[in-house]
């Protein structure tokens, strides 16, 4: 059904080109993971190079396989347009072997980031089946070269070893310093998340209905027994309770816990790592920058059972 539907989406002028060769199109190999998480400018370059190779533009010979591989590199790290373009190639057999299952995942990822044209296609193809393709699974983060060369903790950081954000208001620092140990959290971690979430504004509200210093949504607040989202103390404690739970759920893997705080643990489980959302990728990178790229934290193992995804992740990497 999906293949028939995808074929009907082809412009009439492409039918004649598509029909003779659909059964003999190449299946591109998946590019190896990057050595370090790329910055948005690099992903844009990959996408632009892919577009030129896909369409034979700007003096670049048409090369659908190379285009798909470049789209894959950018899609893995959250470039929504690359996700959509690769999905379109896959569902229409545009120079590469058709694969509706992979296309459905890619359209869904782009739709989850708010790309309107992807939302229409994701709805048409339905819920993706099976695990996400490798082009949507980002490898575990490694230390950037600058972080490798700089002093400071990188594993199992002690609370006193991490820097406090310089713009953190003193009353908030005092409250977090006193309260975070009750949740077995480093105060600097709580303050770094707070700085990224609300910039220490207790009245902050987001378009996604997140509130307060730790930007809790009502469902998360209820889950961790926060009765008044707008009360700064309750809001901070609710955010700390969620961070404690996430660190236990991901067994101290800080990048995964931060990604889940931003996108939800369900998305992290589904994508077996940091989800392929540009916002989440940037969110994790910016907080890790504040924390000198500490990648692991001590955690309270009694707070949550570990994610079943961790075993799959260990087998993959």
Protein backbone atom coordinates (compact mmCIF):
# COMPACT_ATOMS: atom_id res chain seq x y z
CA UNK A 1 0.00 0.00 0.00
CA UNK A 2 2.72 2.44 1.00
CA UNK A 3 4.73 1.74 -2.13
CA UNK A 4 1.73 2.33 -4.34
CA UNK A 5 0.90 5.53 -2.51
CA UNK A 6 4.46 6.78 -2.71
CA UNK A 7 4.54 6.12 -6.45
CA UNK A 8 1.41 8.20 -6.96
CA UNK A 9 3.19 11.13 -5.31
CA UNK A 10 5.71 11.24 -8.13
CA UNK A 11 5.17 14.10 -10.59
CA UNK A 12 3.88 12.81 -13.90
CA UNK A 13 7.04 13.96 -15.69
CA UNK A 14 9.09 11.55 -13.53
CA UNK A 15 6.99 8.43 -14.08
CA UNK A 16 8.75 7.48 -17.27
CA UNK A 17 12.14 7.92 -15.59
CA UNK A 18 11.13 5.95 -12.50
CA UNK A 19 9.37 2.96 -14.04
CA UNK A 20 12.23 1.25 -15.89
CA UNK A 21 14.75 1.34 -13.06
CA UNK A 22 12.88 1.00 -9.76
CA UNK A 23 13.99 -2.61 -9.28
CA UNK A 24 17.69 -1.93 -9.87
CA UNK A 25 18.41 1.20 -7.88
CA UNK A 26 21.34 1.26 -5.45
CA UNK A 27 21.00 1.13 -1.68
CA UNK A 28 23.48 3.64 -0.21
CA UNK A 29 25.65 2.50 2.66
CA UNK A 30 25.27 4.38 5.94
CA UNK A 31 28.10 6.84 6.59
CA UNK A 32 30.18 6.12 9.71
CA UNK A 33 29.51 8.25 12.80
CA UNK A 34 31.29 11.57 13.09
CA UNK A 35 34.21 11.80 15.48
CA UNK A 36 32.58 14.75 17.24
CA UNK A 37 29.09 16.19 17.29
CA UNK A 38 28.89 18.62 14.32
CA UNK A 39 27.80 22.23 14.68
CA UNK A 40 24.68 23.49 12.83
CA UNK A 41 26.78 25.18 10.13
CA UNK A 42 28.37 21.85 9.23
CA UNK A 43 24.98 20.16 8.94
CA UNK A 44 23.79 22.95 6.65
CA UNK A 45 26.84 22.44 4.42
CA UNK A 46 26.15 18.72 4.17
CA UNK A 47 22.51 19.40 3.28
CA UNK A 48 23.44 21.96 0.62
CA UNK A 49 26.03 19.60 -0.89
CA UNK A 50 23.42 16.85 -0.87
CA UNK A 51 20.87 19.02 -2.67
CA UNK A 52 23.44 19.86 -5.35
CA UNK A 53 24.28 16.17 -5.80
CA UNK A 54 20.63 15.10 -5.81
CA UNK A 55 19.60 17.53 -8.55
CA UNK A 56 22.90 18.01 -10.40
CA UNK A 57 23.12 21.73 -9.56
CA UNK A 58 25.90 24.31 -9.28
CA UNK A 59 28.20 22.35 -11.55
CA UNK A 60 27.98 19.24 -9.36
CA UNK A 61 27.32 15.95 -11.24
CA UNK A 62 24.05 14.28 -10.28
CA UNK A 63 24.85 11.55 -7.76
CA UNK A 64 21.83 10.27 -5.77
CA UNK A 65 23.92 7.89 -3.66
CA UNK A 66 26.25 10.64 -2.49
CA UNK A 67 23.24 12.90 -1.91
CA UNK A 68 21.59 10.28 0.29
CA UNK A 69 24.75 9.78 2.31
CA UNK A 70 25.17 13.51 2.88
CA UNK A 71 21.53 13.86 3.87
CA UNK A 72 22.04 10.97 6.26
CA UNK A 73 24.99 12.70 7.96
CA UNK A 74 22.92 15.83 8.57
CA UNK A 75 19.72 13.96 9.46
CA UNK A 76 21.46 12.03 12.22
CA UNK A 77 22.13 15.26 14.10
CA UNK A 78 18.74 16.87 13.72
CA UNK A 79 18.61 18.70 10.39
CA UNK A 80 14.88 18.54 9.66
CA UNK A 81 15.18 19.45 5.98
CA UNK A 82 17.80 16.76 5.43
CA UNK A 83 15.50 14.26 7.14
CA UNK A 84 12.63 15.30 4.86
CA UNK A 85 14.72 15.28 1.66
CA UNK A 86 16.18 11.85 2.38
CA UNK A 87 12.71 10.51 3.18
CA UNK A 88 11.40 11.92 -0.11
CA UNK A 89 14.18 10.19 -2.03
CA UNK A 90 13.44 6.91 -0.27
CA UNK A 91 9.67 6.95 -0.67
CA UNK A 92 9.88 7.92 -4.34
CA UNK A 93 12.90 5.87 -5.36
CA UNK A 94 14.66 9.01 -6.56
CA UNK A 95 17.92 7.45 -7.71
CA UNK A 96 18.14 5.10 -4.71
CA UNK A 97 16.25 1.99 -3.67
CA UNK A 98 12.81 2.73 -2.30
CA UNK A 99 12.35 2.09 1.41
CA UNK A 100 9.04 3.22 2.86
CA UNK A 101 9.86 1.98 6.35
CA UNK A 102 12.93 4.21 6.64
CA UNK A 103 11.07 7.07 4.99
CA UNK A 104 8.28 6.89 7.56
CA UNK A 105 10.80 7.27 10.39
CA UNK A 106 12.53 10.18 8.69
CA UNK A 107 9.28 11.99 7.92
CA UNK A 108 8.22 11.47 11.55
CA UNK A 109 11.47 12.91 12.92
CA UNK A 110 11.17 16.00 10.72
CA UNK A 111 7.49 16.34 11.64
CA UNK A 112 8.32 16.14 15.35
CA UNK A 113 10.54 19.17 14.80
CA UNK A 114 7.65 21.13 13.31
CA UNK A 115 8.42 20.88 9.59
CA UNK A 116 4.99 21.32 8.01
CA UNK A 117 5.59 19.42 4.78
CA UNK A 118 6.92 16.50 6.81
CA UNK A 119 3.84 16.50 9.04
CA UNK A 120 1.60 15.92 6.03
CA UNK A 121 3.74 13.04 4.79
CA UNK A 122 4.09 11.51 8.25
CA UNK A 123 0.33 11.49 8.63
CA UNK A 124 -0.06 9.89 5.22
CA UNK A 125 2.46 7.11 5.86
CA UNK A 126 1.25 6.39 9.40
CA UNK A 127 3.11 5.30 12.52
CA UNK A 128 6.66 4.13 11.70
CA UNK A 129 7.24 0.43 12.24
CA UNK A 130 10.39 -1.19 13.61
CA UNK A 131 13.49 0.54 14.97
CA UNK A 132 14.62 3.89 13.55
CA UNK A 133 17.17 3.74 10.72
CA UNK A 134 20.83 4.38 11.44
CA UNK A 135 20.49 7.81 9.83
CA UNK A 136 18.46 8.88 12.87
CA UNK A 137 20.63 7.33 15.60
CA UNK A 138 23.36 9.63 16.86
CA UNK A 139 26.38 7.88 18.40
CA UNK A 140 27.35 8.56 22.02
CA UNK A 141 28.90 11.97 22.49
CA UNK A 142 32.67 12.21 22.67
CA UNK A 143 34.68 15.03 24.14
CA UNK A 144 35.46 17.90 21.76
CA UNK A 145 39.16 18.51 21.20
CA UNK A 146 39.05 21.65 23.35
CA UNK A 147 37.43 19.79 26.22
CA UNK A 148 39.94 16.94 25.97
CA UNK A 149 42.79 19.38 26.35
CA UNK A 150 41.26 21.41 29.19
CA UNK A 151 41.47 20.53 32.88
CA UNK A 152 38.36 19.54 34.80
CA UNK A 153 36.28 16.46 35.51
CA UNK A 154 34.88 14.42 32.65
CA UNK A 155 33.58 11.36 34.48
CA UNK A 156 31.56 10.98 37.69
CA UNK A 157 31.95 14.61 38.64
CA UNK A 158 31.95 15.65 42.28
CA UNK A 159 29.45 18.42 43.15
CA UNK A 160 32.16 20.88 44.20
CA UNK A 161 34.21 20.39 41.04
CA UNK A 162 31.82 21.97 38.54
CA UNK A 163 31.44 25.68 37.75
CA UNK A 164 28.41 27.70 38.86
CA UNK A 165 26.86 29.87 36.10
CA UNK A 166 28.18 33.40 36.66
CA UNK A 167 24.75 35.00 36.21
CA UNK A 168 23.00 32.77 38.75
CA UNK A 169 21.27 34.95 41.41
CA UNK A 170 22.72 34.44 44.87
CA UNK A 171 19.41 33.46 46.57
CA UNK A 172 18.83 30.76 43.96
CA UNK A 173 22.41 29.50 44.30
CA UNK A 174 21.99 29.25 48.08
CA UNK A 175 18.68 27.38 47.77
CA UNK A 176 20.02 24.92 45.19
CA UNK A 177 23.27 24.39 47.10
CA UNK A 178 21.29 23.45 50.20
CA UNK A 179 18.64 21.37 48.44
CA UNK A 180 20.39 19.55 45.56
CA UNK A 181 22.30 17.11 47.83
CA UNK A 182 18.94 15.81 49.07
CA UNK A 183 18.37 14.63 45.48
CA UNK A 184 21.97 13.41 45.11
CA UNK A 185 22.58 16.06 42.45
CA UNK A 186 25.46 18.44 41.85
CA UNK A 187 24.20 22.02 42.42
CA UNK A 188 26.10 23.13 39.32
CA UNK A 189 24.11 20.67 37.18
CA UNK A 190 20.79 21.99 38.47
CA UNK A 191 21.89 25.59 37.92
CA UNK A 192 23.20 24.83 34.41
CA UNK A 193 19.86 23.30 33.43
CA UNK A 194 18.01 26.23 35.00
CA UNK A 195 20.17 28.73 33.14
CA UNK A 196 19.36 27.06 29.81
CA UNK A 197 15.68 26.52 30.60
CA UNK A 198 14.66 29.92 31.95
CA UNK A 199 17.79 32.05 32.46
CA UNK A 200 16.70 32.14 36.14
CA UNK A 201 13.35 33.77 35.39
CA UNK A 202 10.72 32.37 37.81
CA UNK A 203 7.92 33.75 35.60
CA UNK A 204 9.15 32.17 32.36
CA UNK A 205 6.53 30.41 30.22
CA UNK A 206 7.14 28.61 26.95
CA UNK A 207 4.87 28.03 23.93
CA UNK A 208 4.82 24.36 25.00
CA UNK A 209 3.20 25.28 28.35
CA UNK A 210 6.37 24.89 30.42
CA UNK A 211 6.60 27.07 33.49
CA UNK A 212 9.06 28.57 35.92
CA UNK A 213 12.75 28.29 36.64
CA UNK A 214 13.01 24.62 35.61
CA UNK A 215 10.37 24.91 32.84
CA UNK A 216 8.15 22.08 34.02
CA UNK A 217 5.10 21.13 31.99
CA UNK A 218 1.95 20.26 33.96
CA UNK A 219 2.29 16.50 33.35
CA UNK A 220 5.83 16.44 34.74
CA UNK A 221 4.80 18.61 37.66
CA UNK A 222 2.00 16.19 38.54
CA UNK A 223 4.31 13.22 38.13
CA UNK A 224 6.71 14.63 40.73
CA UNK A 225 4.02 16.02 43.02
CA UNK A 226 4.51 19.72 42.34
CA UNK A 227 1.28 21.38 43.41
CA UNK A 228 2.11 24.95 42.39
CA UNK A 229 4.22 25.31 39.25
CA UNK A 230 4.61 29.03 39.85
CA UNK A 231 6.13 28.63 43.30
CA UNK A 232 9.91 28.89 42.72
CA UNK A 233 10.87 26.46 45.49
CA UNK A 234 8.38 23.81 44.36
CA UNK A 235 9.36 24.32 40.73
CA UNK A 236 13.07 23.83 41.47
CA UNK A 237 12.42 20.78 43.61
CA UNK A 238 10.23 19.27 40.90
CA UNK A 239 12.99 19.80 38.34
CA UNK A 240 15.54 18.22 40.68
CA UNK A 241 13.28 15.23 41.27
CA UNK A 242 13.00 14.74 37.51
CA UNK A 243 16.77 15.08 37.01
CA UNK A 244 17.41 12.54 39.78
CA UNK A 245 14.97 10.14 38.09
CA UNK A 246 16.52 10.64 34.65
CA UNK A 247 20.08 10.09 35.88
CA UNK A 248 19.00 6.84 37.51
CA UNK A 249 17.01 5.78 34.44
CA UNK A 250 20.05 6.34 32.19
CA UNK A 251 22.56 5.11 34.79
CA UNK A 252 24.48 8.35 35.13
CA UNK A 253 24.79 9.09 31.39
CA UNK A 254 24.49 12.88 31.54
CA UNK A 255 23.97 13.58 27.80
CA UNK A 256 21.04 11.13 27.74
CA UNK A 257 19.54 12.58 30.91
CA UNK A 258 19.78 16.13 29.54
CA UNK A 259 18.30 15.07 26.20
CA UNK A 260 15.39 13.47 28.05
CA UNK A 261 14.83 16.58 30.16
CA UNK A 262 14.41 18.50 26.91
CA UNK A 263 12.62 15.97 24.67
CA UNK A 264 11.29 13.33 27.08
CA UNK A 265 12.73 9.95 27.99
CA UNK A 266 10.41 8.28 25.49
CA UNK A 267 12.15 10.03 22.59
CA UNK A 268 15.59 9.10 23.93
CA UNK A 269 14.54 5.46 24.24
CA UNK A 270 12.99 5.43 20.77
CA UNK A 271 16.08 6.86 19.09
CA UNK A 272 18.53 4.96 21.33
CA UNK A 273 20.37 8.15 22.21
CA UNK A 274 20.03 11.89 21.84
CA UNK A 275 17.02 12.33 19.52
CA UNK A 276 17.66 13.69 16.01
CA UNK A 277 16.15 17.07 16.89
CA UNK A 278 18.24 20.19 16.29
CA UNK A 279 16.88 21.84 19.45
CA UNK A 280 17.76 18.87 21.65
CA UNK A 281 21.21 18.41 20.14
CA UNK A 282 21.96 22.09 20.78
CA UNK A 283 20.44 21.94 24.28
CA UNK A 284 22.69 19.09 25.36
CA UNK A 285 25.80 20.63 23.82
CA UNK A 286 25.26 24.00 25.49
CA UNK A 287 24.74 22.57 28.97
CA UNK A 288 27.74 20.27 28.63
CA UNK A 289 29.79 23.32 27.64
CA UNK A 290 28.78 24.93 30.96
CA UNK A 291 29.85 21.79 32.82
CA UNK A 292 33.25 21.38 31.13
CA UNK A 293 31.91 18.41 29.16
CA UNK A 294 31.36 16.14 32.10
CA UNK A 295 29.68 13.12 30.54
CA UNK A 296 28.80 11.07 33.61
CA UNK A 297 27.31 11.90 36.99
CA UNK A 298 26.80 9.95 40.21
CA UNK A 299 23.18 8.82 40.48
CA UNK A 300 20.67 7.47 42.97
CA UNK A 301 20.02 3.93 41.75
CA UNK A 302 16.89 3.69 43.91
CA UNK A 303 15.16 6.50 42.01
CA UNK A 304 14.30 4.49 38.87
CA UNK A 305 14.86 1.18 37.14
CA UNK A 306 17.35 1.54 34.28
CA UNK A 307 16.09 1.95 30.74
CA UNK A 308 15.91 -1.28 28.73
CA UNK A 309 17.30 0.75 25.82
CA UNK A 310 20.74 0.90 27.49
CA UNK A 311 21.40 -2.76 26.75
CA UNK A 312 20.58 -2.25 23.06
CA UNK A 313 22.80 0.81 22.98
CA UNK A 314 25.74 -1.11 24.45
CA UNK A 315 25.38 -3.78 21.77
CA UNK A 316 25.38 -1.11 19.05
CA UNK A 317 28.39 0.83 20.29
